[in-house]
Each structure stands twice: as C-alpha cells, then as structure tokens.
Amino acid sequence: MTNPFDIPEAPPGFNQPLCPWRTPEHAGLYADVDSSLAQLDRFATAIEDWDLRRQGKLVLVTGESGCGKTSVVNHCADVLDRRMNGRPDPGRPPELVIDLARHRYSRRMNDDQVARVREVCEQVIIKLGDVLAFPPNFPTDAKAWRIVYPQLSKVLGRYSRILVVLLPSTDAAKDLDEYAYLAGECARIVFFSESSERDEVDASLDALNETERRGIVRLRVQAVEPSLAGQHAMQLIRHRVDDPEAWVNPEDVMEAFGYLAGGSPTMSVGRMNVIFRRLWDDWQGRRSEGPVPKADIYKSMLGEPSGGFEKRGTASQEEGP
C-alpha cells in the first residue's frame, strides 16, 4: 500500500518543502495544520485586487526557521502564475517562475548588498534568455539593475505576462528595501522573499515611503503551538489517511505530541510528515495487529529504529514515557 505521507519526487525521509508549481501533485497535500492555510487564503484574496500592469509586488513571508515558509511561497507562486499567466500545460513547469530560493551567495557577498542584488539580476537575465525575446538594445549589465528591471517590465508587457522571482532567503533589511523599491517602480514583476527576522524587517519596511509600502504584501507563518501539537498532528493524519482510527489511536497521538512537542525543535507540518511517513512504513508488516502501539509513536518521533525505544529504558510498550 502506498504511504500516504510520501511526497512525490522527494527523497524518502527528507523533509522537502512542497512545490506545486514544479510538482502539481503537491497542491493537494497542504493540510490545515498550522497558520499556512490561512495565509494562503489571505494571499489568494489579496491578488484579486492587484493591478500588476501598474505596479509590481514584494511578497514577504516571515516565520521561524523550519516552520514552512518555503512551502507557502511555492504555493503562492503557483497560484499567481496560474492566475496571471494561464499556463496551458499544468504538467509543465512555468517558464516565468525564476527559482533562486536555494541560491547561495559566495562568502564575499555576505556583507555586500550591492553584489547580492546584482547577482540576482544576473541570474534573472540568464534564466529568461531562453524564454523571452529581448530587443537588441535591452540592457544586460546587472550592475544597473534599476535600469534592467523597468526595461524587463516593458518586455513582459508586450507578452502580457508577469514574472515571479523567488529570491534567496535573507534577513538583510537593505536587500528587502531595494526589492520593495523595485516592486514599486516596475510593473509585472513579483518578488517573493523569506525572512526569519520579523521585527528587524518590519521596522525597516515601515520606514519606506507610501508608494513602496503599497507594493509589499506580508504573510506570517507560525510554528505549531506546542500545546496544540497533538490536535494538529491528528488533523494531518485525517487529511492523508482514509481510515485514521484503524491506523492510530487518536488519544495516543495527542498524548505523544503533547508530551514531546514542548521541548522539541520547531514543530511544523513538514516535521510531522516525516514522523508519520516513518511510522507508516514500520507499521505495514504488522497491519493485522491493529492500530500502532503508543510506544511506536514515540519511537518514530525520536527517530528510533524499531524496537530500540524500550532498550533505552525510556518507556514501556504500554505506558510510553
């Protein structure tokens, strides 16, 4: 039986962000587990009022490391590209989503905001070279990015398309200030950025002028509240498993996540998915024995191999920790 917690095209056991614009099957895997669905709904509502023919946008997604910001960005990019660019072949990756989210700057650029913005501009020009027909006089010197992006918006206007740029993750307020400026000046370009430094970034963006602030959309993704971890864990199970009570005892899941989540690293839907994927695989050979024993839930949460939990002397099969 297929593991309902497998992520299409993701390596087994790897907590890979969902990306529906690249893998359409991911679109149905978003569950109402944390604040992400509320932010996605907010974004879908906001774009109804956008006029990208006049002004671009900077979509800033903030939240703790590991809380699911990248999955939210990817979903928003997918919704935006489908809505604005049409994408006639849903199985083909969009040509006008430029993914630089995993781009790593060289060490010498860590303290050089100009070099970082220039490198992003260079990558955008390179990646669009096979997609758009630039006019002969199109500026290609990324050092002059404040000239390049406005000219690029004119090229996009001829195609009646918008460009989505997924920026490298940054906590540098100066970078975001620059992209907020560009969004305010350049139609048809939407920048997405992730940041974990919400207070510093908010203070910087609040200081921008009115035109630049109008071009900014802020989404906040929160980690799962420890006291609600068990409840959210069961929501994820019910979203993925046809007969959840035949697989796990809800009270056992609530107890296990309530006990461990408070002292764990950031609990997110991605981390829960890894836990349940492991638990499902371990259970397949023992389906006839009934629901998963409580101790096995703890073992999966701790990353223990089968049978290793009791050997640590941490718990018994019946009682858990």
C-alpha atoms as a PDB file:
ATOM      1  CA  MET A   1       0.000   0.000   0.000  1.00  0.00           C
ATOM      2  CA  THR A   2       1.271   3.457  -0.914  1.00  0.00           C
ATOM      3  CA  ASN A   3       2.472   5.518   2.018  1.00  0.00           C
ATOM      4  CA  PRO A   4       0.039   8.487   2.251  1.00  0.00           C
ATOM      5  CA  PHE A   5       2.822  10.599   3.735  1.00  0.00           C
ATOM      6  CA  ASP A   6       5.155  10.177   0.764  1.00  0.00           C
ATOM      7  CA  ILE A   7       5.888  13.448  -1.021  1.00  0.00           C
ATOM      8  CA  PRO A   8       6.023  12.981  -4.819  1.00  0.00           C
ATOM      9  CA  GLU A   9       9.551  13.466  -6.167  1.00  0.00           C
ATOM     10  CA  ALA A  10      11.002  13.960  -2.675  1.00  0.00           C
ATOM     11  CA  PRO A  11      13.757  11.625  -1.419  1.00  0.00           C
ATOM     12  CA  PRO A  12      12.478   9.169   1.245  1.00  0.00           C
ATOM     13  CA  GLY A  13      12.803  10.535   4.756  1.00  0.00           C
ATOM     14  CA  PHE A  14      13.667  14.022   3.528  1.00  0.00           C
ATOM     15  CA  ASN A  15      11.629  16.980   4.746  1.00  0.00           C
ATOM     16  CA  GLN A  16      11.357  18.722   1.381  1.00  0.00           C
ATOM     17  CA  PRO A  17       9.118  21.796   1.014  1.00  0.00           C
ATOM     18  CA  LEU A  18       6.004  21.337  -1.082  1.00  0.00           C
ATOM     19  CA  CYS A  19       6.269  22.889  -4.530  1.00  0.00           C
ATOM     20  CA  PRO A  20       3.049  22.666  -6.608  1.00  0.00           C
ATOM     21  CA  TRP A  21       4.340  24.870  -9.433  1.00  0.00           C
ATOM     22  CA  ARG A  22       7.041  22.259 -10.084  1.00  0.00           C
ATOM     23  CA  THR A  23       5.108  19.120  -8.979  1.00  0.00           C
ATOM     24  CA  PRO A  24       1.325  19.613  -9.403  1.00  0.00           C
ATOM     25  CA  GLU A  25       0.539  16.645  -7.116  1.00  0.00           C
ATOM     26  CA  HIS A  26       1.801  18.687  -4.186  1.00  0.00           C
ATOM     27  CA  ALA A  27      -1.169  21.058  -4.383  1.00  0.00           C
ATOM     28  CA  GLY A  28      -3.461  18.590  -2.595  1.00  0.00           C
ATOM     29  CA  LEU A  29      -1.008  17.904   0.234  1.00  0.00           C
ATOM     30  CA  TYR A  30      -1.414  21.185   2.095  1.00  0.00           C
ATOM     31  CA  ALA A  31      -3.235  20.463   5.362  1.00  0.00           C
ATOM     32  CA  ASP A  32      -4.889  22.728   7.911  1.00  0.00           C
ATOM     33  CA  VAL A  33      -2.162  22.117  10.476  1.00  0.00           C
ATOM     34  CA  ASP A  34      -0.581  25.479  11.212  1.00  0.00           C
ATOM     35  CA  SER A  35      -1.240  29.028  10.063  1.00  0.00           C
ATOM     36  CA  SER A  36      -0.227  28.323   6.469  1.00  0.00           C
ATOM     37  CA  LEU A  37      -3.694  27.707   5.004  1.00  0.00           C
ATOM     38  CA  ALA A  38      -4.958  30.974   6.488  1.00  0.00           C
ATOM     39  CA  GLN A  39      -2.032  32.802   4.884  1.00  0.00           C
ATOM     40  CA  LEU A  40      -2.658  31.078   1.552  1.00  0.00           C
ATOM     41  CA  ASP A  41      -6.309  32.117   1.658  1.00  0.00           C
ATOM     42  CA  ARG A  42      -5.261  35.653   2.514  1.00  0.00           C
ATOM     43  CA  PHE A  43      -2.898  35.728  -0.460  1.00  0.00           C
ATOM     44  CA  ALA A  44      -5.498  34.325  -2.873  1.00  0.00           C
ATOM     45  CA  THR A  45      -7.920  37.044  -1.764  1.00  0.00           C
ATOM     46  CA  ALA A  46      -5.303  39.813  -1.999  1.00  0.00           C
ATOM     47  CA  ILE A  47      -4.320  39.124  -5.605  1.00  0.00           C
ATOM     48  CA  GLU A  48      -7.904  39.719  -6.745  1.00  0.00           C
ATOM     49  CA  ASP A  49      -7.276  43.430  -6.200  1.00  0.00           C
ATOM     50  CA  TRP A  50      -3.807  43.602  -7.735  1.00  0.00           C
ATOM     51  CA  ASP A  51      -3.167  45.533 -10.917  1.00  0.00           C
ATOM     52  CA  LEU A  52       0.271  44.297 -11.868  1.00  0.00           C
ATOM     53  CA  ARG A  53       0.110  46.278 -15.099  1.00  0.00           C
ATOM     54  CA  ARG A  54       0.786  49.368 -12.991  1.00  0.00           C
ATOM     55  CA  GLN A  55       2.949  48.144 -10.105  1.00  0.00           C
ATOM     56  CA  GLY A  56       4.838  45.033  -9.070  1.00  0.00           C
ATOM     57  CA  LYS A  57       4.830  43.438  -5.620  1.00  0.00           C
ATOM     58  CA  LEU A  58       7.197  42.193  -2.956  1.00  0.00           C
ATOM     59  CA  VAL A  59       5.643  39.283  -1.055  1.00  0.00           C
ATOM     60  CA  LEU A  60       7.492  38.849   2.223  1.00  0.00           C
ATOM     61  CA  VAL A  61       6.924  35.609   4.155  1.00  0.00           C
ATOM     62  CA  THR A  62       8.269  35.662   7.708  1.00  0.00           C
ATOM     63  CA  GLY A  63       8.453  32.974  10.393  1.00  0.00           C
ATOM     64  CA  GLU A  64      10.794  30.802  12.403  1.00  0.00           C
ATOM     65  CA  SER A  65      13.294  28.579  10.660  1.00  0.00           C
ATOM     66  CA  GLY A  66      11.649  25.292   9.674  1.00  0.00           C
ATOM     67  CA  CYS A  67       8.054  26.465  10.056  1.00  0.00           C
ATOM     68  CA  GLY A  68       7.075  26.003   6.387  1.00  0.00           C
ATOM     69  CA  LYS A  69       7.779  29.379   4.772  1.00  0.00           C
ATOM     70  CA  THR A  70       9.136  27.859   1.560  1.00  0.00           C
ATOM     71  CA  SER A  71       6.038  25.685   1.055  1.00  0.00           C
ATOM     72  CA  VAL A  72       3.868  28.777   1.450  1.00  0.00           C
ATOM     73  CA  VAL A  73       5.980  30.742  -1.042  1.00  0.00           C
ATOM     74  CA  ASN A  74       5.799  27.908  -3.582  1.00  0.00           C
ATOM     75  CA  HIS A  75       2.023  27.640  -3.281  1.00  0.00           C
ATOM     76  CA  CYS A  76       1.580  31.392  -3.678  1.00  0.00           C
ATOM     77  CA  ALA A  77       3.867  31.404  -6.722  1.00  0.00           C
ATOM     78  CA  ASP A  78       1.831  28.584  -8.264  1.00  0.00           C
ATOM     79  CA  VAL A  79      -1.490  30.353  -7.669  1.00  0.00           C
ATOM     80  CA  LEU A  80      -0.134  33.643  -9.016  1.00  0.00           C
ATOM     81  CA  ASP A  81       1.402  32.145 -12.149  1.00  0.00           C
ATOM     82  CA  ARG A  82      -1.722  30.145 -12.987  1.00  0.00           C
ATOM     83  CA  ARG A  83      -3.981  33.146 -12.417  1.00  0.00           C
ATOM     84  CA  MET A  84      -1.908  35.704 -14.310  1.00  0.00           C
ATOM     85  CA  ASN A  85      -0.054  33.678 -16.959  1.00  0.00           C
ATOM     86  CA  GLY A  86      -2.567  30.924 -17.666  1.00  0.00           C
ATOM     87  CA  ARG A  87      -0.065  28.059 -18.034  1.00  0.00           C
ATOM     88  CA  PRO A  88      -1.898  25.905 -20.636  1.00  0.00           C
ATOM     89  CA  ASP A  89       0.040  22.751 -19.741  1.00  0.00           C
ATOM     90  CA  PRO A  90      -0.331  22.150 -15.959  1.00  0.00           C
ATOM     91  CA  GLY A  91       2.207  19.328 -16.081  1.00  0.00           C
ATOM     92  CA  ARG A  92       4.945  21.604 -17.410  1.00  0.00           C
ATOM     93  CA  PRO A  93       6.921  23.843 -15.031  1.00  0.00           C
ATOM     94  CA  PRO A  94       6.145  27.523 -15.592  1.00  0.00           C
ATOM     95  CA  GLU A  95       8.641  29.433 -17.684  1.00  0.00           C
ATOM     96  CA  LEU A  96       8.203  32.705 -15.823  1.00  0.00           C
ATOM     97  CA  VAL A  97       8.853  31.497 -12.285  1.00  0.00           C
ATOM     98  CA  ILE A  98      12.543  32.090 -11.596  1.00  0.00           C
ATOM     99  CA  ASP A  99      13.557  29.995  -8.599  1.00  0.00           C
ATOM    100  CA  LEU A 100      16.578  31.435  -6.796  1.00  0.00           C
ATOM    101  CA  ALA A 101      15.369  30.446  -3.323  1.00  0.00           C
ATOM    102  CA  ARG A 102      18.191  27.933  -2.885  1.00  0.00           C
ATOM    103  CA  HIS A 103      20.805  30.148  -4.495  1.00  0.00           C
ATOM    104  CA  ARG A 104      23.823  30.595  -2.242  1.00  0.00           C
ATOM    105  CA  TYR A 105      25.889  33.738  -2.421  1.00  0.00           C
ATOM    106  CA  SER A 106      29.650  33.451  -2.179  1.00  0.00           C
ATOM    107  CA  ARG A 107      31.149  34.266   1.220  1.00  0.00           C
ATOM    108  CA  ARG A 108      32.490  37.584  -0.016  1.00  0.00           C
ATOM    109  CA  MET A 109      28.913  38.752  -0.634  1.00  0.00           C
ATOM    110  CA  ASN A 110      27.724  38.239   2.944  1.00  0.00           C
ATOM    111  CA  ASP A 111      28.301  41.928   3.730  1.00  0.00           C
ATOM    112  CA  ASP A 112      27.861  43.321   0.219  1.00  0.00           C
ATOM    113  CA  GLN A 113      24.265  44.218  -0.515  1.00  0.00           C
ATOM    114  CA  VAL A 114      25.090  45.675  -3.919  1.00  0.00           C
ATOM    115  CA  ALA A 115      26.805  42.463  -5.026  1.00  0.00           C
ATOM    116  CA  ARG A 116      23.865  40.324  -3.864  1.00  0.00           C
ATOM    117  CA  VAL A 117      21.237  42.346  -5.705  1.00  0.00           C
ATOM    118  CA  ARG A 118      23.443  42.448  -8.814  1.00  0.00           C
ATOM    119  CA  GLU A 119      23.925  38.668  -8.758  1.00  0.00           C
ATOM    120  CA  VAL A 120      20.183  38.068  -8.547  1.00  0.00           C
ATOM    121  CA  CYS A 121      19.668  40.382 -11.518  1.00  0.00           C
ATOM    122  CA  GLU A 122      22.318  38.466 -13.478  1.00  0.00           C
ATOM    123  CA  GLN A 123      20.589  35.166 -12.762  1.00  0.00           C
ATOM    124  CA  VAL A 124      17.204  36.557 -13.828  1.00  0.00           C
ATOM    125  CA  ILE A 125      18.643  37.762 -17.161  1.00  0.00           C
ATOM    126  CA  ILE A 126      20.347  34.420 -17.787  1.00  0.00           C
ATOM    127  CA  LYS A 127      17.282  32.318 -16.980  1.00  0.00           C
ATOM    128  CA  LEU A 128      14.978  34.471 -19.107  1.00  0.00           C
ATOM    129  CA  GLY A 129      17.310  34.404 -22.091  1.00  0.00           C
ATOM    130  CA  ASP A 130      15.698  31.229 -23.452  1.00  0.00           C
ATOM    131  CA  VAL A 131      12.145  32.332 -22.656  1.00  0.00           C
ATOM    132  CA  LEU A 132      11.758  35.937 -23.791  1.00  0.00           C
ATOM    133  CA  ALA A 133      12.996  37.657 -26.918  1.00  0.00           C
ATOM    134  CA  PHE A 134      14.865  40.691 -25.655  1.00  0.00           C
ATOM    135  CA  PRO A 135      15.127  43.675 -28.019  1.00  0.00           C
ATOM    136  CA  PRO A 136      18.618  44.473 -29.384  1.00  0.00           C
ATOM    137  CA  ASN A 137      19.001  47.475 -27.077  1.00  0.00           C
ATOM    138  CA  PHE A 138      17.963  45.614 -23.908  1.00  0.00           C
ATOM    139  CA  PRO A 139      20.355  46.480 -21.040  1.00  0.00           C
ATOM    140  CA  THR A 140      22.160  43.366 -19.831  1.00  0.00           C
ATOM    141  CA  ASP A 141      24.577  44.925 -17.364  1.00  0.00           C
ATOM    142  CA  ALA A 142      23.266  43.731 -13.990  1.00  0.00           C
ATOM    143  CA  LYS A 143      25.237  46.477 -12.244  1.00  0.00           C
ATOM    144  CA  ALA A 144      22.485  48.798 -13.489  1.00  0.00           C
ATOM    145  CA  TRP A 145      19.601  46.708 -12.128  1.00  0.00           C
ATOM    146  CA  ARG A 146      17.448  49.829 -11.628  1.00  0.00           C
ATOM    147  CA  ILE A 147      17.531  50.164 -15.414  1.00  0.00           C
ATOM    148  CA  VAL A 148      17.277  46.441 -16.206  1.00  0.00           C
ATOM    149  CA  TYR A 149      14.107  45.684 -14.233  1.00  0.00           C
ATOM    150  CA  PRO A 150      11.992  48.579 -15.652  1.00  0.00           C
ATOM    151  CA  GLN A 151      13.018  47.558 -19.158  1.00  0.00           C
ATOM    152  CA  LEU A 152      12.169  43.957 -18.339  1.00  0.00           C
ATOM    153  CA  SER A 153       8.689  45.011 -17.243  1.00  0.00           C
ATOM    154  CA  LYS A 154       8.174  46.589 -20.679  1.00  0.00           C
ATOM    155  CA  VAL A 155       9.186  43.336 -22.389  1.00  0.00           C
ATOM    156  CA  LEU A 156       6.741  41.423 -20.169  1.00  0.00           C
ATOM    157  CA  GLY A 157       4.043  43.917 -21.147  1.00  0.00           C
ATOM    158  CA  ARG A 158       4.475  43.006 -24.809  1.00  0.00           C
ATOM    159  CA  TYR A 159       3.806  39.366 -23.899  1.00  0.00           C
ATOM    160  CA  SER A 160       1.015  40.259 -21.430  1.00  0.00           C
ATOM    161  CA  ARG A 161       2.817  38.168 -18.821  1.00  0.00           C
ATOM    162  CA  ILE A 162       4.100  38.602 -15.283  1.00  0.00           C
ATOM    163  CA  LEU A 163       7.407  37.438 -13.847  1.00  0.00           C
ATOM    164  CA  VAL A 164       7.710  35.688 -10.479  1.00  0.00           C
ATOM    165  CA  VAL A 165      11.143  35.772  -8.822  1.00  0.00           C
ATOM    166  CA  LEU A 166      11.739  33.598  -5.757  1.00  0.00           C
ATOM    167  CA  LEU A 167      14.596  35.405  -4.044  1.00  0.00           C
ATOM    168  CA  PRO A 168      17.295  33.792  -1.923  1.00  0.00           C
ATOM    169  CA  SER A 169      16.263  33.742   1.736  1.00  0.00           C
ATOM    170  CA  THR A 170      17.578  36.803   3.534  1.00  0.00           C
ATOM    171  CA  ASP A 171      17.371  38.625   6.832  1.00  0.00           C
ATOM    172  CA  ALA A 172      19.150  41.658   5.361  1.00  0.00           C
ATOM    173  CA  ALA A 173      16.740  44.570   5.622  1.00  0.00           C
ATOM    174  CA  LYS A 174      18.651  46.558   2.983  1.00  0.00           C
ATOM    175  CA  ASP A 175      18.044  43.834   0.384  1.00  0.00           C
ATOM    176  CA  LEU A 176      14.324  43.874   1.077  1.00  0.00           C
ATOM    177  CA  ASP A 177      14.255  47.675   0.972  1.00  0.00           C
ATOM    178  CA  GLU A 178      15.724  47.522  -2.536  1.00  0.00           C
ATOM    179  CA  TYR A 179      13.223  44.923  -3.762  1.00  0.00           C
ATOM    180  CA  ALA A 180      10.394  46.944  -2.246  1.00  0.00           C
ATOM    181  CA  TYR A 181      11.622  49.926  -4.266  1.00  0.00           C
ATOM    182  CA  LEU A 182      11.856  47.848  -7.451  1.00  0.00           C
ATOM    183  CA  ALA A 183       8.363  46.427  -6.908  1.00  0.00           C
ATOM    184  CA  GLY A 184       7.031  49.963  -6.591  1.00  0.00           C
ATOM    185  CA  GLU A 185       8.745  51.080  -9.799  1.00  0.00           C
ATOM    186  CA  CYS A 186       8.418  48.010 -12.034  1.00  0.00           C
ATOM    187  CA  ALA A 187       5.111  46.635 -13.268  1.00  0.00           C
ATOM    188  CA  ARG A 188       4.537  42.917 -13.904  1.00  0.00           C
ATOM    189  CA  ILE A 189       7.318  41.685 -11.585  1.00  0.00           C
ATOM    190  CA  VAL A 190       6.557  39.962  -8.271  1.00  0.00           C
ATOM    191  CA  PHE A 191       9.390  39.204  -5.894  1.00  0.00           C
ATOM    192  CA  PHE A 192       8.968  36.613  -3.141  1.00  0.00           C
ATOM    193  CA  SER A 193      11.293  36.592  -0.154  1.00  0.00           C
ATOM    194  CA  GLU A 194      11.567  34.653   3.110  1.00  0.00           C
ATOM    195  CA  SER A 195      12.922  36.002   6.370  1.00  0.00           C
ATOM    196  CA  SER A 196      13.137  34.804   9.974  1.00  0.00           C
ATOM    197  CA  GLU A 197      13.952  38.261  11.408  1.00  0.00           C
ATOM    198  CA  ARG A 198      10.451  39.646  11.564  1.00  0.00           C
ATOM    199  CA  ASP A 199      10.971  42.585  13.950  1.00  0.00           C
ATOM    200  CA  GLU A 200      14.043  43.994  12.190  1.00  0.00           C
ATOM    201  CA  VAL A 201      12.478  43.563   8.759  1.00  0.00           C
ATOM    202  CA  ASP A 202       9.167  45.093   9.844  1.00  0.00           C
ATOM    203  CA  ALA A 203      10.929  48.148  11.270  1.00  0.00           C
ATOM    204  CA  SER A 204      12.868  48.625   8.041  1.00  0.00           C
ATOM    205  CA  LEU A 205       9.853  48.263   5.754  1.00  0.00           C
ATOM    206  CA  ASP A 206       7.707  50.546   7.914  1.00  0.00           C
ATOM    207  CA  ALA A 207      10.212  53.315   7.192  1.00  0.00           C
ATOM    208  CA  LEU A 208       9.638  53.106   3.419  1.00  0.00           C
ATOM    209  CA  ASN A 209       7.609  55.683   1.535  1.00  0.00           C
ATOM    210  CA  GLU A 210       3.930  55.168   0.762  1.00  0.00           C
ATOM    211  CA  THR A 211       4.448  54.001  -2.834  1.00  0.00           C
ATOM    212  CA  GLU A 212       6.943  51.345  -1.754  1.00  0.00           C
ATOM    213  CA  ARG A 213       4.737  50.161   1.128  1.00  0.00           C
ATOM    214  CA  ARG A 214       1.792  49.706  -1.261  1.00  0.00           C
ATOM    215  CA  GLY A 215       3.900  47.214  -3.184  1.00  0.00           C
ATOM    216  CA  ILE A 216       4.526  44.982  -0.158  1.00  0.00           C
ATOM    217  CA  VAL A 217       2.407  42.019   0.946  1.00  0.00           C
ATOM    218  CA  ARG A 218       3.372  40.422   4.268  1.00  0.00           C
ATOM    219  CA  LEU A 219       2.493  36.873   5.231  1.00  0.00           C
ATOM    220  CA  ARG A 220       3.344  35.378   8.616  1.00  0.00           C
ATOM    221  CA  VAL A 221       3.803  31.604   9.017  1.00  0.00           C
ATOM    222  CA  GLN A 222       3.823  30.342  12.587  1.00  0.00           C
ATOM    223  CA  ALA A 223       5.216  27.140  14.014  1.00  0.00           C
ATOM    224  CA  VAL A 224       2.732  24.712  15.525  1.00  0.00           C
ATOM    225  CA  GLU A 225       1.833  25.792  19.055  1.00  0.00           C
ATOM    226  CA  PRO A 226       3.267  23.085  21.394  1.00  0.00           C
ATOM    227  CA  SER A 227       0.046  22.865  23.391  1.00  0.00           C
ATOM    228  CA  LEU A 228      -1.882  22.170  20.161  1.00  0.00           C
ATOM    229  CA  ALA A 229       0.667  19.840  18.555  1.00  0.00           C
ATOM    230  CA  GLY A 230      -1.397  16.702  19.192  1.00  0.00           C
ATOM    231  CA  GLN A 231      -4.528  18.265  17.735  1.00  0.00           C
ATOM    232  CA  HIS A 232      -2.654  19.421  14.621  1.00  0.00           C
ATOM    233  CA  ALA A 233      -0.985  16.017  14.260  1.00  0.00           C
ATOM    234  CA  MET A 234      -4.397  14.350  14.104  1.00  0.00           C
ATOM    235  CA  GLN A 235      -5.570  16.930  11.549  1.00  0.00           C
ATOM    236  CA  LEU A 236      -2.673  15.959   9.303  1.00  0.00           C
ATOM    237  CA  ILE A 237      -3.429  12.247   9.733  1.00  0.00           C
ATOM    238  CA  ARG A 238      -7.105  12.755   8.891  1.00  0.00           C
ATOM    239  CA  HIS A 239      -6.096  14.750   5.813  1.00  0.00           C
ATOM    240  CA  ARG A 240      -3.876  11.955   4.477  1.00  0.00           C
ATOM    241  CA  VAL A 241      -5.319   8.661   5.797  1.00  0.00           C
ATOM    242  CA  ASP A 242      -8.720   7.304   4.704  1.00  0.00           C
ATOM    243  CA  ASP A 243      -9.420   5.432   7.974  1.00  0.00           C
ATOM    244  CA  PRO A 244      -7.183   7.113  10.563  1.00  0.00           C
ATOM    245  CA  GLU A 245      -8.601   5.325  13.627  1.00  0.00           C
ATOM    246  CA  ALA A 246      -7.704   1.958  12.066  1.00  0.00           C
ATOM    247  CA  TRP A 247      -4.091   3.132  11.953  1.00  0.00           C
ATOM    248  CA  VAL A 248      -3.577   5.053  15.193  1.00  0.00           C
ATOM    249  CA  ASN A 249      -5.412   5.718  18.415  1.00  0.00           C
ATOM    250  CA  PRO A 250      -6.092   9.496  18.442  1.00  0.00           C
ATOM    251  CA  GLU A 251      -5.576   9.662  22.223  1.00  0.00           C
ATOM    252  CA  ASP A 252      -2.115   8.126  21.836  1.00  0.00           C
ATOM    253  CA  VAL A 253      -1.139  10.664  19.166  1.00  0.00           C
ATOM    254  CA  MET A 254      -2.433  13.554  21.264  1.00  0.00           C
ATOM    255  CA  GLU A 255      -0.515  12.336  24.301  1.00  0.00           C
ATOM    256  CA  ALA A 256       2.753  11.683  22.465  1.00  0.00           C
ATOM    257  CA  PHE A 257       2.874  15.024  20.668  1.00  0.00           C
ATOM    258  CA  GLY A 258       1.686  16.893  23.732  1.00  0.00           C
ATOM    259  CA  TYR A 259       4.480  15.325  25.792  1.00  0.00           C
ATOM    260  CA  LEU A 260       7.371  15.858  23.376  1.00  0.00           C
ATOM    261  CA  ALA A 261       6.482  18.912  21.284  1.00  0.00           C
ATOM    262  CA  GLY A 262       7.155  21.427  24.054  1.00  0.00           C
ATOM    263  CA  GLY A 263      10.847  20.588  24.247  1.00  0.00           C
ATOM    264  CA  SER A 264      11.382  19.739  20.580  1.00  0.00           C
ATOM    265  CA  PRO A 265      12.745  21.841  17.724  1.00  0.00           C
ATOM    266  CA  THR A 266      10.198  23.841  15.742  1.00  0.00           C
ATOM    267  CA  MET A 267       7.215  21.573  15.136  1.00  0.00           C
ATOM    268  CA  SER A 268       5.858  22.027  11.637  1.00  0.00           C
ATOM    269  CA  VAL A 269       3.665  20.089   9.251  1.00  0.00           C
ATOM    270  CA  GLY A 270       6.825  19.042   7.393  1.00  0.00           C
ATOM    271  CA  ARG A 271       8.376  17.540  10.509  1.00  0.00           C
ATOM    272  CA  MET A 272       5.124  15.793  11.376  1.00  0.00           C
ATOM    273  CA  ASN A 273       5.012  14.342   7.874  1.00  0.00           C
ATOM    274  CA  VAL A 274       8.492  12.828   8.270  1.00  0.00           C
ATOM    275  CA  ILE A 275       7.457  11.268  11.590  1.00  0.00           C
ATOM    276  CA  PHE A 276       4.294   9.731  10.176  1.00  0.00           C
ATOM    277  CA  ARG A 277       5.968   8.539   6.989  1.00  0.00           C
ATOM    278  CA  ARG A 278       8.434   6.565   9.109  1.00  0.00           C
ATOM    279  CA  LEU A 279       5.667   5.274  11.373  1.00  0.00           C
ATOM    280  CA  TRP A 280       3.547   4.132   8.395  1.00  0.00           C
ATOM    281  CA  ASP A 281       6.442   2.189   6.859  1.00  0.00           C
ATOM    282  CA  ASP A 282       7.197   0.458  10.160  1.00  0.00           C
ATOM    283  CA  TRP A 283       3.520  -0.481  10.594  1.00  0.00           C
ATOM    284  CA  GLN A 284       2.963  -2.094   7.190  1.00  0.00           C
ATOM    285  CA  GLY A 285       4.286  -5.501   8.241  1.00  0.00           C
ATOM    286  CA  ARG A 286       2.036  -5.520  11.323  1.00  0.00           C
ATOM    287  CA  ARG A 287      -1.272  -4.261   9.945  1.00  0.00           C
ATOM    288  CA  SER A 288      -3.120  -7.321  11.199  1.00  0.00           C
ATOM    289  CA  GLU A 289      -2.169  -6.468  14.794  1.00  0.00           C
ATOM    290  CA  GLY A 290      -4.409  -3.393  14.848  1.00  0.00           C
ATOM    291  CA  PRO A 291      -3.535   0.272  15.435  1.00  0.00           C
ATOM    292  CA  VAL A 292       0.057   1.344  16.020  1.00  0.00           C
ATOM    293  CA  PRO A 293       1.149   0.858  19.652  1.00  0.00           C
ATOM    294  CA  LYS A 294       1.699   4.055  21.598  1.00  0.00           C
ATOM    295  CA  ALA A 295       5.392   3.323  22.168  1.00  0.00           C
ATOM    296  CA  ASP A 296       5.948   3.099  18.405  1.00  0.00           C
ATOM    297  CA  ILE A 297       4.627   6.638  18.011  1.00  0.00           C
ATOM    298  CA  TYR A 298       7.252   7.838  20.479  1.00  0.00           C
ATOM    299  CA  LYS A 299       9.931   5.838  18.673  1.00  0.00           C
ATOM    300  CA  SER A 300       9.052   7.452  15.361  1.00  0.00           C
ATOM    301  CA  MET A 301       9.122  10.917  16.924  1.00  0.00           C
ATOM    302  CA  LEU A 302      12.576  10.271  18.357  1.00  0.00           C
ATOM    303  CA  GLY A 303      13.871   8.664  15.173  1.00  0.00           C
ATOM    304  CA  GLU A 304      14.455   5.337  16.941  1.00  0.00           C
ATOM    305  CA  PRO A 305      14.808   2.119  14.933  1.00  0.00           C
ATOM    306  CA  SER A 306      12.116  -0.469  15.544  1.00  0.00           C
ATOM    307  CA  GLY A 307      12.484  -1.988  18.982  1.00  0.00           C
ATOM    308  CA  GLY A 308      15.115   0.497  20.130  1.00  0.00           C
ATOM    309  CA  PHE A 309      12.884   2.601  22.326  1.00  0.00           C
ATOM    310  CA  GLU A 310      12.460   0.076  25.145  1.00  0.00           C
ATOM    311  CA  LYS A 311      16.193  -0.717  25.143  1.00  0.00           C
ATOM    312  CA  ARG A 312      16.917   2.856  26.149  1.00  0.00           C
ATOM    313  CA  GLY A 313      14.836   2.263  29.249  1.00  0.00           C
ATOM    314  CA  THR A 314      12.730   5.303  28.485  1.00  0.00           C
ATOM    315  CA  ALA A 315       9.319   3.693  28.353  1.00  0.00           C
ATOM    316  CA  SER A 316       7.342   0.511  28.285  1.00  0.00           C
ATOM    317  CA  GLN A 317       5.163  -0.657  25.401  1.00  0.00           C
ATOM    318  CA  GLU A 318       2.007   0.204  27.299  1.00  0.00           C
ATOM    319  CA  GLU A 319       2.864   3.369  29.147  1.00  0.00           C
ATOM    320  CA  GLY A 320       5.096   5.485  26.905  1.00  0.00           C
ATOM    321  CA  PRO A 321       7.434   7.965  28.628  1.00  0.00           C
END
